[in-house]
Amino acid sequence: MGRPKGGKNRKWTYEDRAHVISLYLDEHLSMPQIANKKDIPLGTVRGWIYRFLEKGEEGLVNQKKTGNQFAALHSSKSLTEVERLELEILRRDIEIERLKKGYLVKGVGANKEFVTSKDWNMK
């Protein structure tokens, strides 16, 4: 069962994750028992335990999710000159690779589609 429509995602602290790990390792509770006891989705509990077993305490630290890194070029985010230039170079490298493969962009925004250069010439 997921969250109610319009509900907020729950945030889990490092201490919450560490407590779940201690229940699993020290008290030898199963993953489903921990999920039911703490009202945490089973997949979340399983992920925390597997990451802890694989990476240790580093696996419990929040992983920052990155979105579209190029959006920072067009938004009001304050980037240093070096960061802005690195993003611009990365964007151009991607564009060069796309052109090497023979793809052209037709349309803009959500209507953007990639077509091969041979398809472009036939239309």
PDB file of N, CA and C in Angstrom:
ATOM      1  N   MET A   1       0.845  -1.175   0.000  1.00  0.00           N
ATOM      2  CA  MET A   1       0.000   0.000   0.000  1.00  0.00           C
ATOM      3  C   MET A   1       0.886   1.232   0.000  1.00  0.00           C
ATOM      4  N   GLY A   2       0.659   2.111  -0.925  1.00  0.00           N
ATOM      5  CA  GLY A   2       1.466   3.317  -1.046  1.00  0.00           C
ATOM      6  C   GLY A   2       0.934   4.441  -0.182  1.00  0.00           C
ATOM      7  N   ARG A   3       1.534   5.562  -0.332  1.00  0.00           N
ATOM      8  CA  ARG A   3       1.082   6.719   0.438  1.00  0.00           C
ATOM      9  C   ARG A   3      -0.191   7.267  -0.184  1.00  0.00           C
ATOM     10  N   PRO A   4      -1.000   7.974   0.611  1.00  0.00           N
ATOM     11  CA  PRO A   4      -2.217   8.542   0.043  1.00  0.00           C
ATOM     12  C   PRO A   4      -1.901   9.595  -1.009  1.00  0.00           C
ATOM     13  N   LYS A   5      -2.809   9.773  -1.944  1.00  0.00           N
ATOM     14  CA  LYS A   5      -2.595  10.741  -3.009  1.00  0.00           C
ATOM     15  C   LYS A   5      -2.387  12.121  -2.402  1.00  0.00           C
ATOM     16  N   GLY A   6      -1.334  12.770  -2.838  1.00  0.00           N
ATOM     17  CA  GLY A   6      -1.020  14.094  -2.326  1.00  0.00           C
ATOM     18  C   GLY A   6      -0.220  14.067  -1.033  1.00  0.00           C
ATOM     19  N   GLY A   7       0.010  12.869  -0.493  1.00  0.00           N
ATOM     20  CA  GLY A   7       0.783  12.760   0.738  1.00  0.00           C
ATOM     21  C   GLY A   7       2.260  13.004   0.481  1.00  0.00           C
ATOM     22  N   LYS A   8       2.978  13.284   1.532  1.00  0.00           N
ATOM     23  CA  LYS A   8       4.402  13.558   1.394  1.00  0.00           C
ATOM     24  C   LYS A   8       5.209  12.285   1.596  1.00  0.00           C
ATOM     25  N   ASN A   9       6.351  12.219   0.924  1.00  0.00           N
ATOM     26  CA  ASN A   9       7.273  11.110   1.144  1.00  0.00           C
ATOM     27  C   ASN A   9       7.875  11.245   2.528  1.00  0.00           C
ATOM     28  N   ARG A  10       8.077  10.112   3.172  1.00  0.00           N
ATOM     29  CA  ARG A  10       8.685  10.148   4.503  1.00  0.00           C
ATOM     30  C   ARG A  10      10.194  10.222   4.362  1.00  0.00           C
ATOM     31  N   LYS A  11      10.807  10.937   5.267  1.00  0.00           N
ATOM     32  CA  LYS A  11      12.264  11.052   5.305  1.00  0.00           C
ATOM     33  C   LYS A  11      12.769  10.219   6.470  1.00  0.00           C
ATOM     34  N   TRP A  12      13.822   9.475   6.249  1.00  0.00           N
ATOM     35  CA  TRP A  12      14.388   8.629   7.284  1.00  0.00           C
ATOM     36  C   TRP A  12      15.775   9.154   7.627  1.00  0.00           C
ATOM     37  N   THR A  13      16.039   9.310   8.905  1.00  0.00           N
ATOM     38  CA  THR A  13      17.346   9.801   9.342  1.00  0.00           C
ATOM     39  C   THR A  13      18.343   8.645   9.385  1.00  0.00           C
ATOM     40  N   TYR A  14      19.590   9.008   9.538  1.00  0.00           N
ATOM     41  CA  TYR A  14      20.640   8.002   9.665  1.00  0.00           C
ATOM     42  C   TYR A  14      20.370   7.130  10.895  1.00  0.00           C
ATOM     43  N   GLU A  15      19.886   7.751  11.971  1.00  0.00           N
ATOM     44  CA  GLU A  15      19.624   7.007  13.207  1.00  0.00           C
ATOM     45  C   GLU A  15      18.505   5.987  13.000  1.00  0.00           C
ATOM     46  N   ASP A  16      17.475   6.361  12.216  1.00  0.00           N
ATOM     47  CA  ASP A  16      16.392   5.411  11.915  1.00  0.00           C
ATOM     48  C   ASP A  16      16.944   4.198  11.178  1.00  0.00           C
ATOM     49  N   ARG A  17      17.780   4.442  10.205  1.00  0.00           N
ATOM     50  CA  ARG A  17      18.360   3.340   9.426  1.00  0.00           C
ATOM     51  C   ARG A  17      19.262   2.473  10.298  1.00  0.00           C
ATOM     52  N   ALA A  18      20.069   3.120  11.137  1.00  0.00           N
ATOM     53  CA  ALA A  18      20.976   2.370  12.016  1.00  0.00           C
ATOM     54  C   ALA A  18      20.176   1.511  12.994  1.00  0.00           C
ATOM     55  N   HIS A  19      19.047   2.021  13.479  1.00  0.00           N
ATOM     56  CA  HIS A  19      18.207   1.245  14.402  1.00  0.00           C
ATOM     57  C   HIS A  19      17.641   0.008  13.706  1.00  0.00           C
ATOM     58  N   VAL A  20      17.214   0.152  12.468  1.00  0.00           N
ATOM     59  CA  VAL A  20      16.689  -0.981  11.705  1.00  0.00           C
ATOM     60  C   VAL A  20      17.786  -2.031  11.516  1.00  0.00           C
ATOM     61  N   ILE A  21      18.996  -1.580  11.218  1.00  0.00           N
ATOM     62  CA  ILE A  21      20.115  -2.513  11.049  1.00  0.00           C
ATOM     63  C   ILE A  21      20.398  -3.250  12.342  1.00  0.00           C
ATOM     64  N   SER A  22      20.350  -2.524  13.471  1.00  0.00           N
ATOM     65  CA  SER A  22      20.616  -3.177  14.759  1.00  0.00           C
ATOM     66  C   SER A  22      19.527  -4.207  15.087  1.00  0.00           C
ATOM     67  N   LEU A  23      18.280  -3.922  14.733  1.00  0.00           N
ATOM     68  CA  LEU A  23      17.218  -4.910  14.941  1.00  0.00           C
ATOM     69  C   LEU A  23      17.497  -6.176  14.136  1.00  0.00           C
ATOM     70  N   TYR A  24      17.998  -6.007  12.943  1.00  0.00           N
ATOM     71  CA  TYR A  24      18.270  -7.147  12.069  1.00  0.00           C
ATOM     72  C   TYR A  24      19.486  -7.943  12.551  1.00  0.00           C
ATOM     73  N   LEU A  25      20.557  -7.250  12.887  1.00  0.00           N
ATOM     74  CA  LEU A  25      21.800  -7.938  13.249  1.00  0.00           C
ATOM     75  C   LEU A  25      21.838  -8.374  14.713  1.00  0.00           C
ATOM     76  N   ASP A  26      21.391  -7.518  15.626  1.00  0.00           N
ATOM     77  CA  ASP A  26      21.521  -7.816  17.057  1.00  0.00           C
ATOM     78  C   ASP A  26      20.352  -8.638  17.598  1.00  0.00           C
ATOM     79  N   GLU A  27      19.131  -8.251  17.222  1.00  0.00           N
ATOM     80  CA  GLU A  27      17.957  -8.947  17.756  1.00  0.00           C
ATOM     81  C   GLU A  27      17.471 -10.060  16.828  1.00  0.00           C
ATOM     82  N   HIS A  28      18.120 -10.205  15.667  1.00  0.00           N
ATOM     83  CA  HIS A  28      17.834 -11.272  14.712  1.00  0.00           C
ATOM     84  C   HIS A  28      16.371 -11.315  14.276  1.00  0.00           C
ATOM     85  N   LEU A  29      15.782 -10.124  14.086  1.00  0.00           N
ATOM     86  CA  LEU A  29      14.437 -10.058  13.536  1.00  0.00           C
ATOM     87  C   LEU A  29      14.526 -10.190  12.023  1.00  0.00           C
ATOM     88  N   SER A  30      13.491 -10.762  11.426  1.00  0.00           N
ATOM     89  CA  SER A  30      13.493 -10.885   9.966  1.00  0.00           C
ATOM     90  C   SER A  30      13.113  -9.541   9.351  1.00  0.00           C
ATOM     91  N   MET A  31      13.384  -9.410   8.069  1.00  0.00           N
ATOM     92  CA  MET A  31      13.067  -8.154   7.387  1.00  0.00           C
ATOM     93  C   MET A  31      11.563  -7.852   7.424  1.00  0.00           C
ATOM     94  N   PRO A  32      10.680  -8.829   7.143  1.00  0.00           N
ATOM     95  CA  PRO A  32       9.251  -8.531   7.230  1.00  0.00           C
ATOM     96  C   PRO A  32       8.804  -8.137   8.644  1.00  0.00           C
ATOM     97  N   GLN A  33       9.393  -8.748   9.669  1.00  0.00           N
ATOM     98  CA  GLN A  33       9.042  -8.393  11.050  1.00  0.00           C
ATOM     99  C   GLN A  33       9.419  -6.933  11.339  1.00  0.00           C
ATOM    100  N   ILE A  34      10.607  -6.540  10.893  1.00  0.00           N
ATOM    101  CA  ILE A  34      11.060  -5.160  11.105  1.00  0.00           C
ATOM    102  C   ILE A  34      10.144  -4.200  10.350  1.00  0.00           C
ATOM    103  N   ALA A  35       9.807  -4.539   9.105  1.00  0.00           N
ATOM    104  CA  ALA A  35       8.957  -3.672   8.298  1.00  0.00           C
ATOM    105  C   ALA A  35       7.602  -3.471   8.967  1.00  0.00           C
ATOM    106  N   ASN A  36       7.006  -4.545   9.500  1.00  0.00           N
ATOM    107  CA  ASN A  36       5.710  -4.433  10.167  1.00  0.00           C
ATOM    108  C   ASN A  36       5.818  -3.678  11.488  1.00  0.00           C
ATOM    109  N   LYS A  37       6.868  -3.958  12.244  1.00  0.00           N
ATOM    110  CA  LYS A  37       7.036  -3.337  13.552  1.00  0.00           C
ATOM    111  C   LYS A  37       7.252  -1.824  13.426  1.00  0.00           C
ATOM    112  N   LYS A  38       8.041  -1.414  12.458  1.00  0.00           N
ATOM    113  CA  LYS A  38       8.393   0.000  12.307  1.00  0.00           C
ATOM    114  C   LYS A  38       7.527   0.735  11.286  1.00  0.00           C
ATOM    115  N   ASP A  39       6.613   0.028  10.626  1.00  0.00           N
ATOM    116  CA  ASP A  39       5.755   0.614   9.583  1.00  0.00           C
ATOM    117  C   ASP A  39       6.595   1.268   8.481  1.00  0.00           C
ATOM    118  N   ILE A  40       7.546   0.483   7.995  1.00  0.00           N
ATOM    119  CA  ILE A  40       8.424   0.902   6.899  1.00  0.00           C
ATOM    120  C   ILE A  40       8.223  -0.110   5.780  1.00  0.00           C
ATOM    121  N   PRO A  41       8.151   0.328   4.531  1.00  0.00           N
ATOM    122  CA  PRO A  41       7.993  -0.643   3.437  1.00  0.00           C
ATOM    123  C   PRO A  41       9.114  -1.690   3.436  1.00  0.00           C
ATOM    124  N   LEU A  42       8.739  -2.924   3.136  1.00  0.00           N
ATOM    125  CA  LEU A  42       9.698  -4.030   3.148  1.00  0.00           C
ATOM    126  C   LEU A  42      10.855  -3.776   2.186  1.00  0.00           C
ATOM    127  N   GLY A  43      10.580  -3.238   1.005  1.00  0.00           N
ATOM    128  CA  GLY A  43      11.639  -2.956   0.038  1.00  0.00           C
ATOM    129  C   GLY A  43      12.646  -1.949   0.568  1.00  0.00           C
ATOM    130  N   THR A  44      12.174  -0.982   1.340  1.00  0.00           N
ATOM    131  CA  THR A  44      13.064   0.014   1.933  1.00  0.00           C
ATOM    132  C   THR A  44      13.971  -0.641   2.966  1.00  0.00           C
ATOM    133  N   VAL A  45      13.381  -1.457   3.833  1.00  0.00           N
ATOM    134  CA  VAL A  45      14.170  -2.157   4.855  1.00  0.00           C
ATOM    135  C   VAL A  45      15.207  -3.051   4.190  1.00  0.00           C
ATOM    136  N   ARG A  46      14.779  -3.791   3.185  1.00  0.00           N
ATOM    137  CA  ARG A  46      15.685  -4.701   2.479  1.00  0.00           C
ATOM    138  C   ARG A  46      16.844  -3.917   1.854  1.00  0.00           C
ATOM    139  N   GLY A  47      16.531  -2.796   1.227  1.00  0.00           N
ATOM    140  CA  GLY A  47      17.573  -1.970   0.609  1.00  0.00           C
ATOM    141  C   GLY A  47      18.587  -1.473   1.615  1.00  0.00           C
ATOM    142  N   TRP A  48      18.094  -0.985   2.769  1.00  0.00           N
ATOM    143  CA  TRP A  48      19.008  -0.498   3.799  1.00  0.00           C
ATOM    144  C   TRP A  48      19.936  -1.604   4.282  1.00  0.00           C
ATOM    145  N   ILE A  49      19.369  -2.788   4.524  1.00  0.00           N
ATOM    146  CA  ILE A  49      20.178  -3.897   5.054  1.00  0.00           C
ATOM    147  C   ILE A  49      21.210  -4.340   4.019  1.00  0.00           C
ATOM    148  N   TYR A  50      20.801  -4.496   2.772  1.00  0.00           N
ATOM    149  CA  TYR A  50      21.748  -4.929   1.740  1.00  0.00           C
ATOM    150  C   TYR A  50      22.853  -3.890   1.521  1.00  0.00           C
ATOM    151  N   ARG A  51      22.477  -2.612   1.535  1.00  0.00           N
ATOM    152  CA  ARG A  51      23.507  -1.578   1.362  1.00  0.00           C
ATOM    153  C   ARG A  51      24.466  -1.562   2.540  1.00  0.00           C
ATOM    154  N   PHE A  52      23.936  -1.791   3.763  1.00  0.00           N
ATOM    155  CA  PHE A  52      24.806  -1.832   4.935  1.00  0.00           C
ATOM    156  C   PHE A  52      25.759  -3.018   4.850  1.00  0.00           C
ATOM    157  N   LEU A  53      25.251  -4.173   4.454  1.00  0.00           N
ATOM    158  CA  LEU A  53      26.106  -5.355   4.357  1.00  0.00           C
ATOM    159  C   LEU A  53      27.157  -5.203   3.269  1.00  0.00           C
ATOM    160  N   GLU A  54      26.817  -4.448   2.217  1.00  0.00           N
ATOM    161  CA  GLU A  54      27.749  -4.264   1.109  1.00  0.00           C
ATOM    162  C   GLU A  54      28.766  -3.156   1.370  1.00  0.00           C
ATOM    163  N   LYS A  55      28.302  -2.008   1.889  1.00  0.00           N
ATOM    164  CA  LYS A  55      29.170  -0.829   2.020  1.00  0.00           C
ATOM    165  C   LYS A  55      29.460  -0.417   3.443  1.00  0.00           C
ATOM    166  N   GLY A  56      28.843  -1.062   4.424  1.00  0.00           N
ATOM    167  CA  GLY A  56      29.031  -0.665   5.811  1.00  0.00           C
ATOM    168  C   GLY A  56      28.208   0.578   6.130  1.00  0.00           C
ATOM    169  N   GLU A  57      28.673   1.370   7.099  1.00  0.00           N
ATOM    170  CA  GLU A  57      27.923   2.547   7.531  1.00  0.00           C
ATOM    171  C   GLU A  57      27.776   3.578   6.413  1.00  0.00           C
ATOM    172  N   GLU A  58      28.683   3.571   5.480  1.00  0.00           N
ATOM    173  CA  GLU A  58      28.594   4.497   4.347  1.00  0.00           C
ATOM    174  C   GLU A  58      27.334   4.237   3.515  1.00  0.00           C
ATOM    175  N   GLY A  59      26.853   3.008   3.520  1.00  0.00           N
ATOM    176  CA  GLY A  59      25.654   2.664   2.771  1.00  0.00           C
ATOM    177  C   GLY A  59      24.378   3.222   3.377  1.00  0.00           C
ATOM    178  N   LEU A  60      24.434   3.661   4.646  1.00  0.00           N
ATOM    179  CA  LEU A  60      23.257   4.208   5.310  1.00  0.00           C
ATOM    180  C   LEU A  60      23.118   5.710   5.121  1.00  0.00           C
ATOM    181  N   VAL A  61      24.133   6.351   4.613  1.00  0.00           N
ATOM    182  CA  VAL A  61      24.094   7.797   4.421  1.00  0.00           C
ATOM    183  C   VAL A  61      23.177   8.118   3.250  1.00  0.00           C
ATOM    184  N   ASN A  62      22.399   9.195   3.382  1.00  0.00           N
ATOM    185  CA  ASN A  62      21.503   9.605   2.298  1.00  0.00           C
ATOM    186  C   ASN A  62      22.291   9.841   1.025  1.00  0.00           C
ATOM    187  N   GLN A  63      21.803   9.279  -0.062  1.00  0.00           N
ATOM    188  CA  GLN A  63      22.406   9.509  -1.363  1.00  0.00           C
ATOM    189  C   GLN A  63      21.640  10.624  -2.035  1.00  0.00           C
ATOM    190  N   LYS A  64      22.308  11.702  -2.355  1.00  0.00           N
ATOM    191  CA  LYS A  64      21.646  12.824  -2.998  1.00  0.00           C
ATOM    192  C   LYS A  64      21.293  12.422  -4.425  1.00  0.00           C
ATOM    193  N   LYS A  65      20.020  12.580  -4.760  1.00  0.00           N
ATOM    194  CA  LYS A  65      19.586  12.266  -6.109  1.00  0.00           C
ATOM    195  C   LYS A  65      19.783  13.503  -6.973  1.00  0.00           C
ATOM    196  N   THR A  66      20.349  13.278  -8.114  1.00  0.00           N
ATOM    197  CA  THR A  66      20.561  14.405  -9.004  1.00  0.00           C
ATOM    198  C   THR A  66      19.508  14.393 -10.082  1.00  0.00           C
ATOM    199  N   GLY A  67      19.064  15.547 -10.444  1.00  0.00           N
ATOM    200  CA  GLY A  67      18.097  15.658 -11.521  1.00  0.00           C
ATOM    201  C   GLY A  67      18.822  16.028 -12.801  1.00  0.00           C
ATOM    202  N   ASN A  68      18.235  16.862 -13.578  1.00  0.00           N
ATOM    203  CA  ASN A  68      18.850  17.314 -14.807  1.00  0.00           C
ATOM    204  C   ASN A  68      19.949  18.309 -14.454  1.00  0.00           C
ATOM    205  N   GLN A  69      21.173  17.877 -14.602  1.00  0.00           N
ATOM    206  CA  GLN A  69      22.291  18.732 -14.210  1.00  0.00           C
ATOM    207  C   GLN A  69      22.428  19.961 -15.094  1.00  0.00           C
ATOM    208  N   PHE A  70      21.879  19.895 -16.300  1.00  0.00           N
ATOM    209  CA  PHE A  70      21.985  21.031 -17.211  1.00  0.00           C
ATOM    210  C   PHE A  70      20.963  22.117 -16.897  1.00  0.00           C
ATOM    211  N   ALA A  71      19.969  21.806 -16.067  1.00  0.00           N
ATOM    212  CA  ALA A  71      18.969  22.807 -15.700  1.00  0.00           C
ATOM    213  C   ALA A  71      19.616  23.967 -14.948  1.00  0.00           C
ATOM    214  N   ALA A  72      20.720  23.703 -14.280  1.00  0.00           N
ATOM    215  CA  ALA A  72      21.402  24.757 -13.539  1.00  0.00           C
ATOM    216  C   ALA A  72      21.931  25.842 -14.468  1.00  0.00           C
ATOM    217  N   LEU A  73      22.168  25.495 -15.724  1.00  0.00           N
ATOM    218  CA  LEU A  73      22.655  26.501 -16.669  1.00  0.00           C
ATOM    219  C   LEU A  73      21.594  27.535 -16.985  1.00  0.00           C
ATOM    220  N   HIS A  74      20.328  27.151 -16.920  1.00  0.00           N
ATOM    221  CA  HIS A  74      19.241  28.036 -17.322  1.00  0.00           C
ATOM    222  C   HIS A  74      18.428  28.560 -16.150  1.00  0.00           C
ATOM    223  N   SER A  75      18.683  28.049 -14.952  1.00  0.00           N
ATOM    224  CA  SER A  75      17.911  28.489 -13.801  1.00  0.00           C
ATOM    225  C   SER A  75      18.690  29.559 -13.042  1.00  0.00           C
ATOM    226  N   SER A  76      18.122  29.976 -11.951  1.00  0.00           N
ATOM    227  CA  SER A  76      18.757  31.038 -11.171  1.00  0.00           C
ATOM    228  C   SER A  76      19.736  30.485 -10.145  1.00  0.00           C
ATOM    229  N   LYS A  77      20.091  29.210 -10.257  1.00  0.00           N
ATOM    230  CA  LYS A  77      21.063  28.649  -9.323  1.00  0.00           C
ATOM    231  C   LYS A  77      22.383  29.385  -9.469  1.00  0.00           C
ATOM    232  N   SER A  78      23.017  29.604  -8.345  1.00  0.00           N
ATOM    233  CA  SER A  78      24.289  30.305  -8.405  1.00  0.00           C
ATOM    234  C   SER A  78      25.405  29.276  -8.598  1.00  0.00           C
ATOM    235  N   LEU A  79      26.003  29.318  -9.756  1.00  0.00           N
ATOM    236  CA  LEU A  79      27.117  28.436 -10.074  1.00  0.00           C
ATOM    237  C   LEU A  79      28.387  29.270 -10.149  1.00  0.00           C
ATOM    238  N   THR A  80      29.471  28.642  -9.751  1.00  0.00           N
ATOM    239  CA  THR A  80      30.737  29.328  -9.948  1.00  0.00           C
ATOM    240  C   THR A  80      31.056  29.292 -11.439  1.00  0.00           C
ATOM    241  N   GLU A  81      31.968  30.117 -11.842  1.00  0.00           N
ATOM    242  CA  GLU A  81      32.340  30.172 -13.258  1.00  0.00           C
ATOM    243  C   GLU A  81      32.891  28.821 -13.720  1.00  0.00           C
ATOM    244  N   VAL A  82      33.663  28.164 -12.867  1.00  0.00           N
ATOM    245  CA  VAL A  82      34.252  26.866 -13.216  1.00  0.00           C
ATOM    246  C   VAL A  82      33.151  25.820 -13.382  1.00  0.00           C
ATOM    247  N   GLU A  83      32.177  25.771 -12.447  1.00  0.00           N
ATOM    248  CA  GLU A  83      31.078  24.805 -12.556  1.00  0.00           C
ATOM    249  C   GLU A  83      30.256  25.047 -13.817  1.00  0.00           C
ATOM    250  N   ARG A  84      29.980  26.300 -14.116  1.00  0.00           N
ATOM    251  CA  ARG A  84      29.203  26.628 -15.301  1.00  0.00           C
ATOM    252  C   ARG A  84      29.932  26.178 -16.565  1.00  0.00           C
ATOM    253  N   LEU A  85      31.241  26.416 -16.616  1.00  0.00           N
ATOM    254  CA  LEU A  85      32.023  26.019 -17.783  1.00  0.00           C
ATOM    255  C   LEU A  85      32.113  24.490 -17.910  1.00  0.00           C
ATOM    256  N   GLU A  86      32.242  23.791 -16.784  1.00  0.00           N
ATOM    257  CA  GLU A  86      32.289  22.327 -16.824  1.00  0.00           C
ATOM    258  C   GLU A  86      30.979  21.761 -17.371  1.00  0.00           C
ATOM    259  N   LEU A  87      29.852  22.321 -16.930  1.00  0.00           N
ATOM    260  CA  LEU A  87      28.563  21.862 -17.442  1.00  0.00           C
ATOM    261  C   LEU A  87      28.414  22.167 -18.928  1.00  0.00           C
ATOM    262  N   GLU A  88      28.878  23.319 -19.337  1.00  0.00           N
ATOM    263  CA  GLU A  88      28.786  23.696 -20.752  1.00  0.00           C
ATOM    264  C   GLU A  88      29.630  22.751 -21.615  1.00  0.00           C
ATOM    265  N   ILE A  89      30.827  22.417 -21.152  1.00  0.00           N
ATOM    266  CA  ILE A  89      31.695  21.490 -21.887  1.00  0.00           C
ATOM    267  C   ILE A  89      31.048  20.108 -21.960  1.00  0.00           C
ATOM    268  N   LEU A  90      30.477  19.646 -20.852  1.00  0.00           N
ATOM    269  CA  LEU A  90      29.812  18.346 -20.833  1.00  0.00           C
ATOM    270  C   LEU A  90      28.637  18.326 -21.806  1.00  0.00           C
ATOM    271  N   ARG A  91      27.859  19.400 -21.824  1.00  0.00           N
ATOM    272  CA  ARG A  91      26.724  19.477 -22.733  1.00  0.00           C
ATOM    273  C   ARG A  91      27.185  19.432 -24.191  1.00  0.00           C
ATOM    274  N   ARG A  92      28.262  20.124 -24.490  1.00  0.00           N
ATOM    275  CA  ARG A  92      28.783  20.124 -25.862  1.00  0.00           C
ATOM    276  C   ARG A  92      29.371  18.778 -26.242  1.00  0.00           C
ATOM    277  N   ASP A  93      30.020  18.097 -25.305  1.00  0.00           N
ATOM    278  CA  ASP A  93      30.547  16.754 -25.581  1.00  0.00           C
ATOM    279  C   ASP A  93      29.410  15.790 -25.938  1.00  0.00           C
ATOM    280  N   ILE A  94      28.304  15.883 -25.214  1.00  0.00           N
ATOM    281  CA  ILE A  94      27.154  15.034 -25.509  1.00  0.00           C
ATOM    282  C   ILE A  94      26.605  15.353 -26.892  1.00  0.00           C
ATOM    283  N   GLU A  95      26.511  16.628 -27.210  1.00  0.00           N
ATOM    284  CA  GLU A  95      26.025  17.051 -28.523  1.00  0.00           C
ATOM    285  C   GLU A  95      26.937  16.532 -29.642  1.00  0.00           C
ATOM    286  N   ILE A  96      28.245  16.571 -29.430  1.00  0.00           N
ATOM    287  CA  ILE A  96      29.196  16.085 -30.431  1.00  0.00           C
ATOM    288  C   ILE A  96      29.014  14.586 -30.654  1.00  0.00           C
ATOM    289  N   GLU A  97      28.856  13.827 -29.558  1.00  0.00           N
ATOM    290  CA  GLU A  97      28.655  12.385 -29.682  1.00  0.00           C
ATOM    291  C   GLU A  97      27.362  12.077 -30.432  1.00  0.00           C
ATOM    292  N   ARG A  98      26.307  12.840 -30.156  1.00  0.00           N
ATOM    293  CA  ARG A  98      25.036  12.645 -30.845  1.00  0.00           C
ATOM    294  C   ARG A  98      25.201  12.891 -32.337  1.00  0.00           C
ATOM    295  N   LEU A  99      25.928  13.943 -32.696  1.00  0.00           N
ATOM    296  CA  LEU A  99      26.134  14.258 -34.106  1.00  0.00           C
ATOM    297  C   LEU A  99      27.005  13.217 -34.796  1.00  0.00           C
ATOM    298  N   LYS A 100      27.986  12.668 -34.080  1.00  0.00           N
ATOM    299  CA  LYS A 100      28.832  11.620 -34.649  1.00  0.00           C
ATOM    300  C   LYS A 100      28.007  10.396 -35.039  1.00  0.00           C
ATOM    301  N   LYS A 101      26.976  10.128 -34.244  1.00  0.00           N
ATOM    302  CA  LYS A 101      26.131   8.967 -34.529  1.00  0.00           C
ATOM    303  C   LYS A 101      25.106   9.258 -35.605  1.00  0.00           C
ATOM    304  N   GLY A 102      25.046  10.488 -36.060  1.00  0.00           N
ATOM    305  CA  GLY A 102      24.160  10.822 -37.164  1.00  0.00           C
ATOM    306  C   GLY A 102      22.747  11.170 -36.769  1.00  0.00           C
ATOM    307  N   TYR A 103      22.526  11.601 -35.536  1.00  0.00           N
ATOM    308  CA  TYR A 103      21.194  11.980 -35.104  1.00  0.00           C
ATOM    309  C   TYR A 103      21.028  13.489 -35.155  1.00  0.00           C
ATOM    310  N   LEU A 104      19.868  13.924 -35.605  1.00  0.00           N
ATOM    311  CA  LEU A 104      19.517  15.329 -35.623  1.00  0.00           C
ATOM    312  C   LEU A 104      18.304  15.520 -34.720  1.00  0.00           C
ATOM    313  N   VAL A 105      18.139  16.710 -34.184  1.00  0.00           N
ATOM    314  CA  VAL A 105      17.012  17.000 -33.315  1.00  0.00           C
ATOM    315  C   VAL A 105      15.934  17.693 -34.134  1.00  0.00           C
ATOM    316  N   LYS A 106      14.726  17.165 -34.043  1.00  0.00           N
ATOM    317  CA  LYS A 106      13.587  17.773 -34.727  1.00  0.00           C
ATOM    318  C   LYS A 106      12.590  18.179 -33.651  1.00  0.00           C
ATOM    319  N   GLY A 107      12.208  19.442 -33.602  1.00  0.00           N
ATOM    320  CA  GLY A 107      11.276  19.945 -32.599  1.00  0.00           C
ATOM    321  C   GLY A 107      12.014  20.495 -31.396  1.00  0.00           C
ATOM    322  N   VAL A 108      11.225  21.009 -30.450  1.00  0.00           N
ATOM    323  CA  VAL A 108      11.794  21.577 -29.233  1.00  0.00           C
ATOM    324  C   VAL A 108      10.980  21.124 -28.030  1.00  0.00           C
ATOM    325  N   GLY A 109      11.583  21.234 -26.851  1.00  0.00           N
ATOM    326  CA  GLY A 109      10.886  20.927 -25.603  1.00  0.00           C
ATOM    327  C   GLY A 109      10.379  19.503 -25.547  1.00  0.00           C
ATOM    328  N   ALA A 110       9.115  19.354 -25.143  1.00  0.00           N
ATOM    329  CA  ALA A 110       8.516  18.028 -25.008  1.00  0.00           C
ATOM    330  C   ALA A 110       8.290  17.379 -26.367  1.00  0.00           C
ATOM    331  N   ASN A 111       8.253  18.171 -27.434  1.00  0.00           N
ATOM    332  CA  ASN A 111       8.030  17.634 -28.778  1.00  0.00           C
ATOM    333  C   ASN A 111       9.326  17.253 -29.477  1.00  0.00           C
ATOM    334  N   LYS A 112      10.436  17.277 -28.756  1.00  0.00           N
ATOM    335  CA  LYS A 112      11.738  16.979 -29.345  1.00  0.00           C
ATOM    336  C   LYS A 112      11.818  15.502 -29.697  1.00  0.00           C
ATOM    337  N   GLU A 113      12.330  15.210 -30.882  1.00  0.00           N
ATOM    338  CA  GLU A 113      12.576  13.825 -31.271  1.00  0.00           C
ATOM    339  C   GLU A 113      13.910  13.767 -32.018  1.00  0.00           C
ATOM    340  N   PHE A 114      14.555  12.628 -31.904  1.00  0.00           N
ATOM    341  CA  PHE A 114      15.834  12.430 -32.556  1.00  0.00           C
ATOM    342  C   PHE A 114      15.605  11.591 -33.805  1.00  0.00           C
ATOM    343  N   VAL A 115      16.051  12.086 -34.930  1.00  0.00           N
ATOM    344  CA  VAL A 115      15.913  11.355 -36.182  1.00  0.00           C
ATOM    345  C   VAL A 115      17.291  11.190 -36.810  1.00  0.00           C
ATOM    346  N   THR A 116      17.457  10.127 -37.569  1.00  0.00           N
ATOM    347  CA  THR A 116      18.740   9.936 -38.239  1.00  0.00           C
ATOM    348  C   THR A 116      18.829  10.893 -39.409  1.00  0.00           C
ATOM    349  N   SER A 117      20.032  11.189 -39.822  1.00  0.00           N
ATOM    350  CA  SER A 117      20.215  12.155 -40.886  1.00  0.00           C
ATOM    351  C   SER A 117      19.618  11.642 -42.193  1.00  0.00           C
ATOM    352  N   LYS A 118      19.600  10.336 -42.433  1.00  0.00           N
ATOM    353  CA  LYS A 118      19.007   9.830 -43.671  1.00  0.00           C
ATOM    354  C   LYS A 118      17.490  10.014 -43.654  1.00  0.00           C
ATOM    355  N   ASP A 119      16.853   9.844 -42.466  1.00  0.00           N
ATOM    356  CA  ASP A 119      15.404  10.075 -42.353  1.00  0.00           C
ATOM    357  C   ASP A 119      15.075  11.548 -42.532  1.00  0.00           C
ATOM    358  N   TRP A 120      15.941  12.410 -42.059  1.00  0.00           N
ATOM    359  CA  TRP A 120      15.735  13.851 -42.137  1.00  0.00           C
ATOM    360  C   TRP A 120      15.710  14.298 -43.610  1.00  0.00           C
ATOM    361  N   ASN A 121      16.631  13.752 -44.432  1.00  0.00           N
ATOM    362  CA  ASN A 121      16.719  14.147 -45.829  1.00  0.00           C
ATOM    363  C   ASN A 121      15.539  13.650 -46.652  1.00  0.00           C
ATOM    364  N   MET A 122      14.909  12.554 -46.257  1.00  0.00           N
ATOM    365  CA  MET A 122      13.811  11.993 -47.029  1.00  0.00           C
ATOM    366  C   MET A 122      12.511  12.753 -46.825  1.00  0.00           C
ATOM    367  N   LYS A 123      12.400  13.525 -45.756  1.00  0.00           N
ATOM    368  CA  LYS A 123      11.134  14.199 -45.460  1.00  0.00           C
ATOM    369  C   LYS A 123      11.053  15.554 -46.111  1.00  0.00           C
TER     370      LYS A 123
END
